[in-house]
Amino acid sequence: DQKEQVTPRRLAGGQHAVQLDAEGTYQCSLTGLIFEVTEAVKITYSLLSWSKYANLVEKPWIVGGPLFDVCCDSSHALTSIQFPHSLCLGG
């Protein structure tokens, strides 16, 4: 499975944007997010703080990784997002 590496443009407020020019699978070089798209599309995304949302996570669930806000200018073109994951090796 080939993924084209893309480097996002940094926007104000900690946001990033990528303009994907064709159908394919792309991986952000900064965040590790993987976007699968069916056509050209612009995707804007940012990393959010769990402090605002942690109280929404109910037991037995726990906060376990980064939280992203992703927006796409053509939602039908974005067929999947693969998020980076965390692995605790401390036990």
PDB file of N, CA and C in Angstrom:
ATOM      1  N   ASP A   1       0.846  -1.186   0.000  1.00  0.00           N
ATOM      2  CA  ASP A   1       0.000   0.000   0.000  1.00  0.00           C
ATOM      3  C   ASP A   1       0.886   1.242   0.000  1.00  0.00           C
ATOM      4  N   GLN A   2       0.935   1.928  -1.111  1.00  0.00           N
ATOM      5  CA  GLN A   2       1.774   3.109  -1.246  1.00  0.00           C
ATOM      6  C   GLN A   2       1.059   4.348  -0.714  1.00  0.00           C
ATOM      7  N   LYS A   3       1.792   5.096   0.110  1.00  0.00           N
ATOM      8  CA  LYS A   3       1.265   6.354   0.642  1.00  0.00           C
ATOM      9  C   LYS A   3       2.211   7.462   0.216  1.00  0.00           C
ATOM     10  N   GLU A   4       1.663   8.481  -0.391  1.00  0.00           N
ATOM     11  CA  GLU A   4       2.477   9.627  -0.758  1.00  0.00           C
ATOM     12  C   GLU A   4       2.624  10.534   0.456  1.00  0.00           C
ATOM     13  N   GLN A   5       3.851  10.888   0.810  1.00  0.00           N
ATOM     14  CA  GLN A   5       4.098  11.791   1.928  1.00  0.00           C
ATOM     15  C   GLN A   5       3.775  13.221   1.495  1.00  0.00           C
ATOM     16  N   VAL A   6       3.030  13.937   2.331  1.00  0.00           N
ATOM     17  CA  VAL A   6       2.719  15.337   2.072  1.00  0.00           C
ATOM     18  C   VAL A   6       3.103  16.157   3.295  1.00  0.00           C
ATOM     19  N   THR A   7       3.610  17.336   3.039  1.00  0.00           N
ATOM     20  CA  THR A   7       3.948  18.263   4.121  1.00  0.00           C
ATOM     21  C   THR A   7       2.898  19.360   4.129  1.00  0.00           C
ATOM     22  N   PRO A   8       2.197  19.511   5.244  1.00  0.00           N
ATOM     23  CA  PRO A   8       1.110  20.499   5.280  1.00  0.00           C
ATOM     24  C   PRO A   8       1.623  21.929   5.371  1.00  0.00           C
ATOM     25  N   ARG A   9       0.766  22.828   4.959  1.00  0.00           N
ATOM     26  CA  ARG A   9       0.988  24.258   5.170  1.00  0.00           C
ATOM     27  C   ARG A   9       0.503  24.589   6.568  1.00  0.00           C
ATOM     28  N   ARG A  10       1.259  25.376   7.300  1.00  0.00           N
ATOM     29  CA  ARG A  10       0.832  25.792   8.647  1.00  0.00           C
ATOM     30  C   ARG A  10      -0.031  27.040   8.533  1.00  0.00           C
ATOM     31  N   LEU A  11      -1.188  26.984   9.190  1.00  0.00           N
ATOM     32  CA  LEU A  11      -2.117  28.102   9.208  1.00  0.00           C
ATOM     33  C   LEU A  11      -2.169  28.685  10.614  1.00  0.00           C
ATOM     34  N   ALA A  12      -2.878  29.782  10.762  1.00  0.00           N
ATOM     35  CA  ALA A  12      -3.052  30.411  12.078  1.00  0.00           C
ATOM     36  C   ALA A  12      -3.802  29.478  13.012  1.00  0.00           C
ATOM     37  N   GLY A  13      -3.568  29.633  14.298  1.00  0.00           N
ATOM     38  CA  GLY A  13      -4.306  28.880  15.301  1.00  0.00           C
ATOM     39  C   GLY A  13      -3.906  27.420  15.396  1.00  0.00           C
ATOM     40  N   GLY A  14      -2.712  27.080  14.946  1.00  0.00           N
ATOM     41  CA  GLY A  14      -2.240  25.705  15.049  1.00  0.00           C
ATOM     42  C   GLY A  14      -2.830  24.758  14.020  1.00  0.00           C
ATOM     43  N   GLN A  15      -3.504  25.310  13.013  1.00  0.00           N
ATOM     44  CA  GLN A  15      -4.089  24.467  11.980  1.00  0.00           C
ATOM     45  C   GLN A  15      -3.066  24.136  10.900  1.00  0.00           C
ATOM     46  N   HIS A  16      -3.312  23.017  10.229  1.00  0.00           N
ATOM     47  CA  HIS A  16      -2.517  22.590   9.083  1.00  0.00           C
ATOM     48  C   HIS A  16      -3.465  22.363   7.917  1.00  0.00           C
ATOM     49  N   ALA A  17      -2.967  22.516   6.698  1.00  0.00           N
ATOM     50  CA  ALA A  17      -3.784  22.273   5.513  1.00  0.00           C
ATOM     51  C   ALA A  17      -2.955  21.561   4.454  1.00  0.00           C
ATOM     52  N   VAL A  18      -3.600  20.613   3.777  1.00  0.00           N
ATOM     53  CA  VAL A  18      -2.984  19.957   2.625  1.00  0.00           C
ATOM     54  C   VAL A  18      -3.949  20.037   1.452  1.00  0.00           C
ATOM     55  N   GLN A  19      -3.406  20.311   0.290  1.00  0.00           N
ATOM     56  CA  GLN A  19      -4.168  20.264  -0.947  1.00  0.00           C
ATOM     57  C   GLN A  19      -3.740  18.986  -1.654  1.00  0.00           C
ATOM     58  N   LEU A  20      -4.646  18.027  -1.731  1.00  0.00           N
ATOM     59  CA  LEU A  20      -4.365  16.753  -2.381  1.00  0.00           C
ATOM     60  C   LEU A  20      -4.912  16.841  -3.797  1.00  0.00           C
ATOM     61  N   ASP A  21      -4.052  16.645  -4.775  1.00  0.00           N
ATOM     62  CA  ASP A  21      -4.397  16.957  -6.164  1.00  0.00           C
ATOM     63  C   ASP A  21      -5.074  15.846  -6.950  1.00  0.00           C
ATOM     64  N   ALA A  22      -5.108  14.631  -6.388  1.00  0.00           N
ATOM     65  CA  ALA A  22      -5.698  13.520  -7.142  1.00  0.00           C
ATOM     66  C   ALA A  22      -6.101  12.397  -6.194  1.00  0.00           C
ATOM     67  N   GLU A  23      -6.830  11.426  -6.714  1.00  0.00           N
ATOM     68  CA  GLU A  23      -7.199  10.248  -5.951  1.00  0.00           C
ATOM     69  C   GLU A  23      -5.927   9.552  -5.453  1.00  0.00           C
ATOM     70  N   GLY A  24      -5.997   9.029  -4.218  1.00  0.00           N
ATOM     71  CA  GLY A  24      -4.852   8.299  -3.694  1.00  0.00           C
ATOM     72  C   GLY A  24      -4.846   8.244  -2.183  1.00  0.00           C
ATOM     73  N   THR A  25      -3.731   7.760  -1.648  1.00  0.00           N
ATOM     74  CA  THR A  25      -3.528   7.654  -0.211  1.00  0.00           C
ATOM     75  C   THR A  25      -2.328   8.501   0.158  1.00  0.00           C
ATOM     76  N   TYR A  26      -2.515   9.410   1.110  1.00  0.00           N
ATOM     77  CA  TYR A  26      -1.502  10.396   1.470  1.00  0.00           C
ATOM     78  C   TYR A  26      -1.247  10.350   2.973  1.00  0.00           C
ATOM     79  N   GLN A  27       0.009  10.538   3.380  1.00  0.00           N
ATOM     80  CA  GLN A  27       0.351  10.570   4.801  1.00  0.00           C
ATOM     81  C   GLN A  27       1.013  11.897   5.137  1.00  0.00           C
ATOM     82  N   CYS A  28       0.504  12.557   6.184  1.00  0.00           N
ATOM     83  CA  CYS A  28       1.058  13.817   6.653  1.00  0.00           C
ATOM     84  C   CYS A  28       2.413  13.559   7.310  1.00  0.00           C
ATOM     85  N   SER A  29       3.426  14.278   6.880  1.00  0.00           N
ATOM     86  CA  SER A  29       4.774  14.099   7.410  1.00  0.00           C
ATOM     87  C   SER A  29       4.926  14.609   8.846  1.00  0.00           C
ATOM     88  N   LEU A  30       4.006  15.456   9.309  1.00  0.00           N
ATOM     89  CA  LEU A  30       4.105  16.007  10.671  1.00  0.00           C
ATOM     90  C   LEU A  30       3.286  15.234  11.702  1.00  0.00           C
ATOM     91  N   THR A  31       2.079  14.815  11.326  1.00  0.00           N
ATOM     92  CA  THR A  31       1.165  14.206  12.301  1.00  0.00           C
ATOM     93  C   THR A  31       1.017  12.696  12.150  1.00  0.00           C
ATOM     94  N   GLY A  32       1.367  12.154  10.997  1.00  0.00           N
ATOM     95  CA  GLY A  32       1.166  10.733  10.750  1.00  0.00           C
ATOM     96  C   GLY A  32      -0.235  10.388  10.275  1.00  0.00           C
ATOM     97  N   LEU A  33      -1.132  11.375  10.201  1.00  0.00           N
ATOM     98  CA  LEU A  33      -2.484  11.120   9.690  1.00  0.00           C
ATOM     99  C   LEU A  33      -2.396  10.606   8.253  1.00  0.00           C
ATOM    100  N   ILE A  34      -3.244   9.640   7.914  1.00  0.00           N
ATOM    101  CA  ILE A  34      -3.290   9.100   6.560  1.00  0.00           C
ATOM    102  C   ILE A  34      -4.682   9.368   5.997  1.00  0.00           C
ATOM    103  N   PHE A  35      -4.722  10.013   4.841  1.00  0.00           N
ATOM    104  CA  PHE A  35      -5.979  10.371   4.186  1.00  0.00           C
ATOM    105  C   PHE A  35      -6.114   9.566   2.899  1.00  0.00           C
ATOM    106  N   GLU A  36      -7.269   8.942   2.718  1.00  0.00           N
ATOM    107  CA  GLU A  36      -7.574   8.268   1.461  1.00  0.00           C
ATOM    108  C   GLU A  36      -8.669   9.063   0.776  1.00  0.00           C
ATOM    109  N   VAL A  37      -8.411   9.508  -0.456  1.00  0.00           N
ATOM    110  CA  VAL A  37      -9.357  10.374  -1.156  1.00  0.00           C
ATOM    111  C   VAL A  37      -9.641   9.835  -2.558  1.00  0.00           C
ATOM    112  N   THR A  38     -10.817  10.179  -3.079  1.00  0.00           N
ATOM    113  CA  THR A  38     -11.218   9.719  -4.409  1.00  0.00           C
ATOM    114  C   THR A  38     -11.061  10.791  -5.482  1.00  0.00           C
ATOM    115  N   GLU A  39     -10.705  12.003  -5.067  1.00  0.00           N
ATOM    116  CA  GLU A  39     -10.513  13.109  -6.014  1.00  0.00           C
ATOM    117  C   GLU A  39      -9.731  14.212  -5.319  1.00  0.00           C
ATOM    118  N   ALA A  40      -9.386  15.247  -6.070  1.00  0.00           N
ATOM    119  CA  ALA A  40      -8.673  16.385  -5.496  1.00  0.00           C
ATOM    120  C   ALA A  40      -9.506  17.004  -4.375  1.00  0.00           C
ATOM    121  N   VAL A  41      -8.834  17.386  -3.290  1.00  0.00           N
ATOM    122  CA  VAL A  41      -9.539  17.899  -2.118  1.00  0.00           C
ATOM    123  C   VAL A  41      -8.573  18.682  -1.236  1.00  0.00           C
ATOM    124  N   LYS A  42      -9.112  19.637  -0.487  1.00  0.00           N
ATOM    125  CA  LYS A  42      -8.326  20.363   0.514  1.00  0.00           C
ATOM    126  C   LYS A  42      -8.795  19.903   1.890  1.00  0.00           C
ATOM    127  N   ILE A  43      -7.837  19.517   2.741  1.00  0.00           N
ATOM    128  CA  ILE A  43      -8.143  19.059   4.095  1.00  0.00           C
ATOM    129  C   ILE A  43      -7.428  19.970   5.083  1.00  0.00           C
ATOM    130  N   THR A  44      -8.176  20.447   6.065  1.00  0.00           N
ATOM    131  CA  THR A  44      -7.634  21.301   7.125  1.00  0.00           C
ATOM    132  C   THR A  44      -7.794  20.560   8.442  1.00  0.00           C
ATOM    133  N   TYR A  45      -6.753  20.562   9.278  1.00  0.00           N
ATOM    134  CA  TYR A  45      -6.821  19.814  10.531  1.00  0.00           C
ATOM    135  C   TYR A  45      -5.925  20.437  11.590  1.00  0.00           C
ATOM    136  N   SER A  46      -6.263  20.128  12.850  1.00  0.00           N
ATOM    137  CA  SER A  46      -5.473  20.632  13.971  1.00  0.00           C
ATOM    138  C   SER A  46      -5.543  19.635  15.120  1.00  0.00           C
ATOM    139  N   LEU A  47      -4.581  19.736  15.984  1.00  0.00           N
ATOM    140  CA  LEU A  47      -4.526  18.925  17.190  1.00  0.00           C
ATOM    141  C   LEU A  47      -5.249  19.682  18.292  1.00  0.00           C
ATOM    142  N   LEU A  48      -6.180  19.017  18.978  1.00  0.00           N
ATOM    143  CA  LEU A  48      -6.945  19.643  20.051  1.00  0.00           C
ATOM    144  C   LEU A  48      -6.431  19.177  21.409  1.00  0.00           C
ATOM    145  N   SER A  49      -6.790  19.908  22.437  1.00  0.00           N
ATOM    146  CA  SER A  49      -6.435  19.541  23.803  1.00  0.00           C
ATOM    147  C   SER A  49      -7.526  18.667  24.404  1.00  0.00           C
ATOM    148  N   TRP A  50      -7.109  17.587  25.066  1.00  0.00           N
ATOM    149  CA  TRP A  50      -8.082  16.721  25.728  1.00  0.00           C
ATOM    150  C   TRP A  50      -8.721  17.402  26.941  1.00  0.00           C
ATOM    151  N   SER A  51      -8.113  18.465  27.470  1.00  0.00           N
ATOM    152  CA  SER A  51      -8.638  19.095  28.683  1.00  0.00           C
ATOM    153  C   SER A  51     -10.095  19.538  28.507  1.00  0.00           C
ATOM    154  N   LYS A  52     -10.466  19.915  27.308  1.00  0.00           N
ATOM    155  CA  LYS A  52     -11.838  20.369  27.047  1.00  0.00           C
ATOM    156  C   LYS A  52     -12.810  19.191  26.898  1.00  0.00           C
ATOM    157  N   TYR A  53     -12.320  18.008  26.516  1.00  0.00           N
ATOM    158  CA  TYR A  53     -13.192  16.892  26.169  1.00  0.00           C
ATOM    159  C   TYR A  53     -13.053  15.668  27.073  1.00  0.00           C
ATOM    160  N   ALA A  54     -12.072  15.652  27.955  1.00  0.00           N
ATOM    161  CA  ALA A  54     -11.793  14.468  28.771  1.00  0.00           C
ATOM    162  C   ALA A  54     -12.984  14.045  29.625  1.00  0.00           C
ATOM    163  N   ASN A  55     -13.793  14.992  30.062  1.00  0.00           N
ATOM    164  CA  ASN A  55     -14.947  14.628  30.901  1.00  0.00           C
ATOM    165  C   ASN A  55     -16.029  13.882  30.116  1.00  0.00           C
ATOM    166  N   LEU A  56     -15.939  13.855  28.794  1.00  0.00           N
ATOM    167  CA  LEU A  56     -16.890  13.110  27.968  1.00  0.00           C
ATOM    168  C   LEU A  56     -16.519  11.633  27.849  1.00  0.00           C
ATOM    169  N   VAL A  57     -15.300  11.296  28.260  1.00  0.00           N
ATOM    170  CA  VAL A  57     -14.827   9.910  28.179  1.00  0.00           C
ATOM    171  C   VAL A  57     -15.228   9.198  29.463  1.00  0.00           C
ATOM    172  N   GLU A  58     -16.113   8.208  29.329  1.00  0.00           N
ATOM    173  CA  GLU A  58     -16.628   7.493  30.499  1.00  0.00           C
ATOM    174  C   GLU A  58     -15.907   6.166  30.691  1.00  0.00           C
ATOM    175  N   LYS A  59     -15.774   5.761  31.953  1.00  0.00           N
ATOM    176  CA  LYS A  59     -15.142   4.479  32.271  1.00  0.00           C
ATOM    177  C   LYS A  59     -15.938   3.352  31.652  1.00  0.00           C
ATOM    178  N   PRO A  60     -15.313   2.331  31.149  1.00  0.00           N
ATOM    179  CA  PRO A  60     -13.922   1.927  31.308  1.00  0.00           C
ATOM    180  C   PRO A  60     -12.981   2.560  30.286  1.00  0.00           C
ATOM    181  N   TRP A  61     -13.478   3.446  29.432  1.00  0.00           N
ATOM    182  CA  TRP A  61     -12.634   4.097  28.431  1.00  0.00           C
ATOM    183  C   TRP A  61     -11.710   5.103  29.098  1.00  0.00           C
ATOM    184  N   ILE A  62     -10.538   5.295  28.511  1.00  0.00           N
ATOM    185  CA  ILE A  62      -9.589   6.304  28.987  1.00  0.00           C
ATOM    186  C   ILE A  62      -9.035   7.064  27.792  1.00  0.00           C
ATOM    187  N   VAL A  63      -8.547   8.256  28.043  1.00  0.00           N
ATOM    188  CA  VAL A  63      -7.893   9.039  27.003  1.00  0.00           C
ATOM    189  C   VAL A  63      -6.625   8.300  26.615  1.00  0.00           C
ATOM    190  N   GLY A  64      -6.436   8.055  25.327  1.00  0.00           N
ATOM    191  CA  GLY A  64      -5.308   7.228  24.948  1.00  0.00           C
ATOM    192  C   GLY A  64      -4.517   7.704  23.751  1.00  0.00           C
ATOM    193  N   GLY A  65      -4.748   8.862  23.260  1.00  0.00           N
ATOM    194  CA  GLY A  65      -3.996   9.304  22.092  1.00  0.00           C
ATOM    195  C   GLY A  65      -4.358  10.726  21.724  1.00  0.00           C
ATOM    196  N   PRO A  66      -3.815  11.191  20.619  1.00  0.00           N
ATOM    197  CA  PRO A  66      -4.090  12.565  20.199  1.00  0.00           C
ATOM    198  C   PRO A  66      -5.536  12.737  19.740  1.00  0.00           C
ATOM    199  N   LEU A  67      -6.017  13.953  19.820  1.00  0.00           N
ATOM    200  CA  LEU A  67      -7.375  14.313  19.419  1.00  0.00           C
ATOM    201  C   LEU A  67      -7.266  15.316  18.275  1.00  0.00           C
ATOM    202  N   PHE A  68      -7.859  14.992  17.134  1.00  0.00           N
ATOM    203  CA  PHE A  68      -7.755  15.838  15.950  1.00  0.00           C
ATOM    204  C   PHE A  68      -9.113  16.395  15.549  1.00  0.00           C
ATOM    205  N   ASP A  69      -9.105  17.611  15.012  1.00  0.00           N
ATOM    206  CA  ASP A  69     -10.261  18.220  14.369  1.00  0.00           C
ATOM    207  C   ASP A  69      -9.935  18.252  12.877  1.00  0.00           C
ATOM    208  N   VAL A  70     -10.730  17.559  12.062  1.00  0.00           N
ATOM    209  CA  VAL A  70     -10.453  17.439  10.623  1.00  0.00           C
ATOM    210  C   VAL A  70     -11.635  17.995   9.844  1.00  0.00           C
ATOM    211  N   CYS A  71     -11.358  18.880   8.894  1.00  0.00           N
ATOM    212  CA  CYS A  71     -12.386  19.438   8.015  1.00  0.00           C
ATOM    213  C   CYS A  71     -11.952  19.218   6.568  1.00  0.00           C
ATOM    214  N   CYS A  72     -12.930  18.961   5.720  1.00  0.00           N
ATOM    215  CA  CYS A  72     -12.652  18.667   4.323  1.00  0.00           C
ATOM    216  C   CYS A  72     -13.607  19.471   3.448  1.00  0.00           C
ATOM    217  N   ASP A  73     -13.109  20.037   2.354  1.00  0.00           N
ATOM    218  CA  ASP A  73     -13.988  20.848   1.510  1.00  0.00           C
ATOM    219  C   ASP A  73     -14.901  20.013   0.611  1.00  0.00           C
ATOM    220  N   SER A  74     -14.708  18.690   0.609  1.00  0.00           N
ATOM    221  CA  SER A  74     -15.571  17.795  -0.161  1.00  0.00           C
ATOM    222  C   SER A  74     -15.674  16.478   0.597  1.00  0.00           C
ATOM    223  N   SER A  75     -16.644  16.394   1.510  1.00  0.00           N
ATOM    224  CA  SER A  75     -16.720  15.254   2.419  1.00  0.00           C
ATOM    225  C   SER A  75     -16.895  13.915   1.708  1.00  0.00           C
ATOM    226  N   HIS A  76     -17.518  13.885   0.547  1.00  0.00           N
ATOM    227  CA  HIS A  76     -17.682  12.606  -0.156  1.00  0.00           C
ATOM    228  C   HIS A  76     -16.365  12.131  -0.769  1.00  0.00           C
ATOM    229  N   ALA A  77     -15.404  13.033  -0.962  1.00  0.00           N
ATOM    230  CA  ALA A  77     -14.114  12.663  -1.555  1.00  0.00           C
ATOM    231  C   ALA A  77     -13.179  12.009  -0.540  1.00  0.00           C
ATOM    232  N   LEU A  78     -13.371  12.295   0.743  1.00  0.00           N
ATOM    233  CA  LEU A  78     -12.525  11.734   1.808  1.00  0.00           C
ATOM    234  C   LEU A  78     -13.155  10.424   2.264  1.00  0.00           C
ATOM    235  N   THR A  79     -12.563   9.296   1.857  1.00  0.00           N
ATOM    236  CA  THR A  79     -13.178   7.999   2.145  1.00  0.00           C
ATOM    237  C   THR A  79     -12.685   7.387   3.443  1.00  0.00           C
ATOM    238  N   SER A  80     -11.479   7.759   3.907  1.00  0.00           N
ATOM    239  CA  SER A  80     -11.019   7.253   5.200  1.00  0.00           C
ATOM    240  C   SER A  80      -9.889   8.116   5.740  1.00  0.00           C
ATOM    241  N   ILE A  81      -9.788   8.097   7.067  1.00  0.00           N
ATOM    242  CA  ILE A  81      -8.683   8.731   7.781  1.00  0.00           C
ATOM    243  C   ILE A  81      -8.117   7.676   8.720  1.00  0.00           C
ATOM    244  N   GLN A  82      -6.821   7.489   8.684  1.00  0.00           N
ATOM    245  CA  GLN A  82      -6.169   6.601   9.639  1.00  0.00           C
ATOM    246  C   GLN A  82      -5.408   7.494  10.613  1.00  0.00           C
ATOM    247  N   PHE A  83      -5.737   7.346  11.884  1.00  0.00           N
ATOM    248  CA  PHE A  83      -5.131   8.177  12.913  1.00  0.00           C
ATOM    249  C   PHE A  83      -3.920   7.464  13.519  1.00  0.00           C
ATOM    250  N   PRO A  84      -2.894   8.228  13.892  1.00  0.00           N
ATOM    251  CA  PRO A  84      -1.774   7.599  14.587  1.00  0.00           C
ATOM    252  C   PRO A  84      -2.263   7.055  15.930  1.00  0.00           C
ATOM    253  N   HIS A  85      -1.614   6.049  16.435  1.00  0.00           N
ATOM    254  CA  HIS A  85      -2.039   5.487  17.705  1.00  0.00           C
ATOM    255  C   HIS A  85      -0.888   5.509  18.700  1.00  0.00           C
ATOM    256  N   SER A  86      -1.258   5.360  19.944  1.00  0.00           N
ATOM    257  CA  SER A  86      -0.283   5.357  21.040  1.00  0.00           C
ATOM    258  C   SER A  86      -0.174   3.959  21.581  1.00  0.00           C
ATOM    259  N   LEU A  87       0.986   3.622  22.051  1.00  0.00           N
ATOM    260  CA  LEU A  87       1.205   2.326  22.654  1.00  0.00           C
ATOM    261  C   LEU A  87       2.013   2.527  23.929  1.00  0.00           C
ATOM    262  N   CYS A  88       1.439   2.150  25.051  1.00  0.00           N
ATOM    263  CA  CYS A  88       2.129   2.283  26.333  1.00  0.00           C
ATOM    264  C   CYS A  88       2.981   1.041  26.555  1.00  0.00           C
ATOM    265  N   LEU A  89       4.280   1.206  26.631  1.00  0.00           N
ATOM    266  CA  LEU A  89       5.179   0.088  26.849  1.00  0.00           C
ATOM    267  C   LEU A  89       5.574  -0.045  28.312  1.00  0.00           C
ATOM    268  N   GLY A  90       4.956   0.784  29.163  1.00  0.00           N
ATOM    269  CA  GLY A  90       5.296   0.782  30.584  1.00  0.00           C
ATOM    270  C   GLY A  90       4.493  -0.208  31.401  1.00  0.00           C
ATOM    271  N   GLY A  91       3.743  -1.091  30.807  1.00  0.00           N
ATOM    272  CA  GLY A  91       2.981  -2.071  31.579  1.00  0.00           C
ATOM    273  C   GLY A  91       1.562  -2.052  31.183  1.00  0.00           C
TER     274      GLY A  91
END
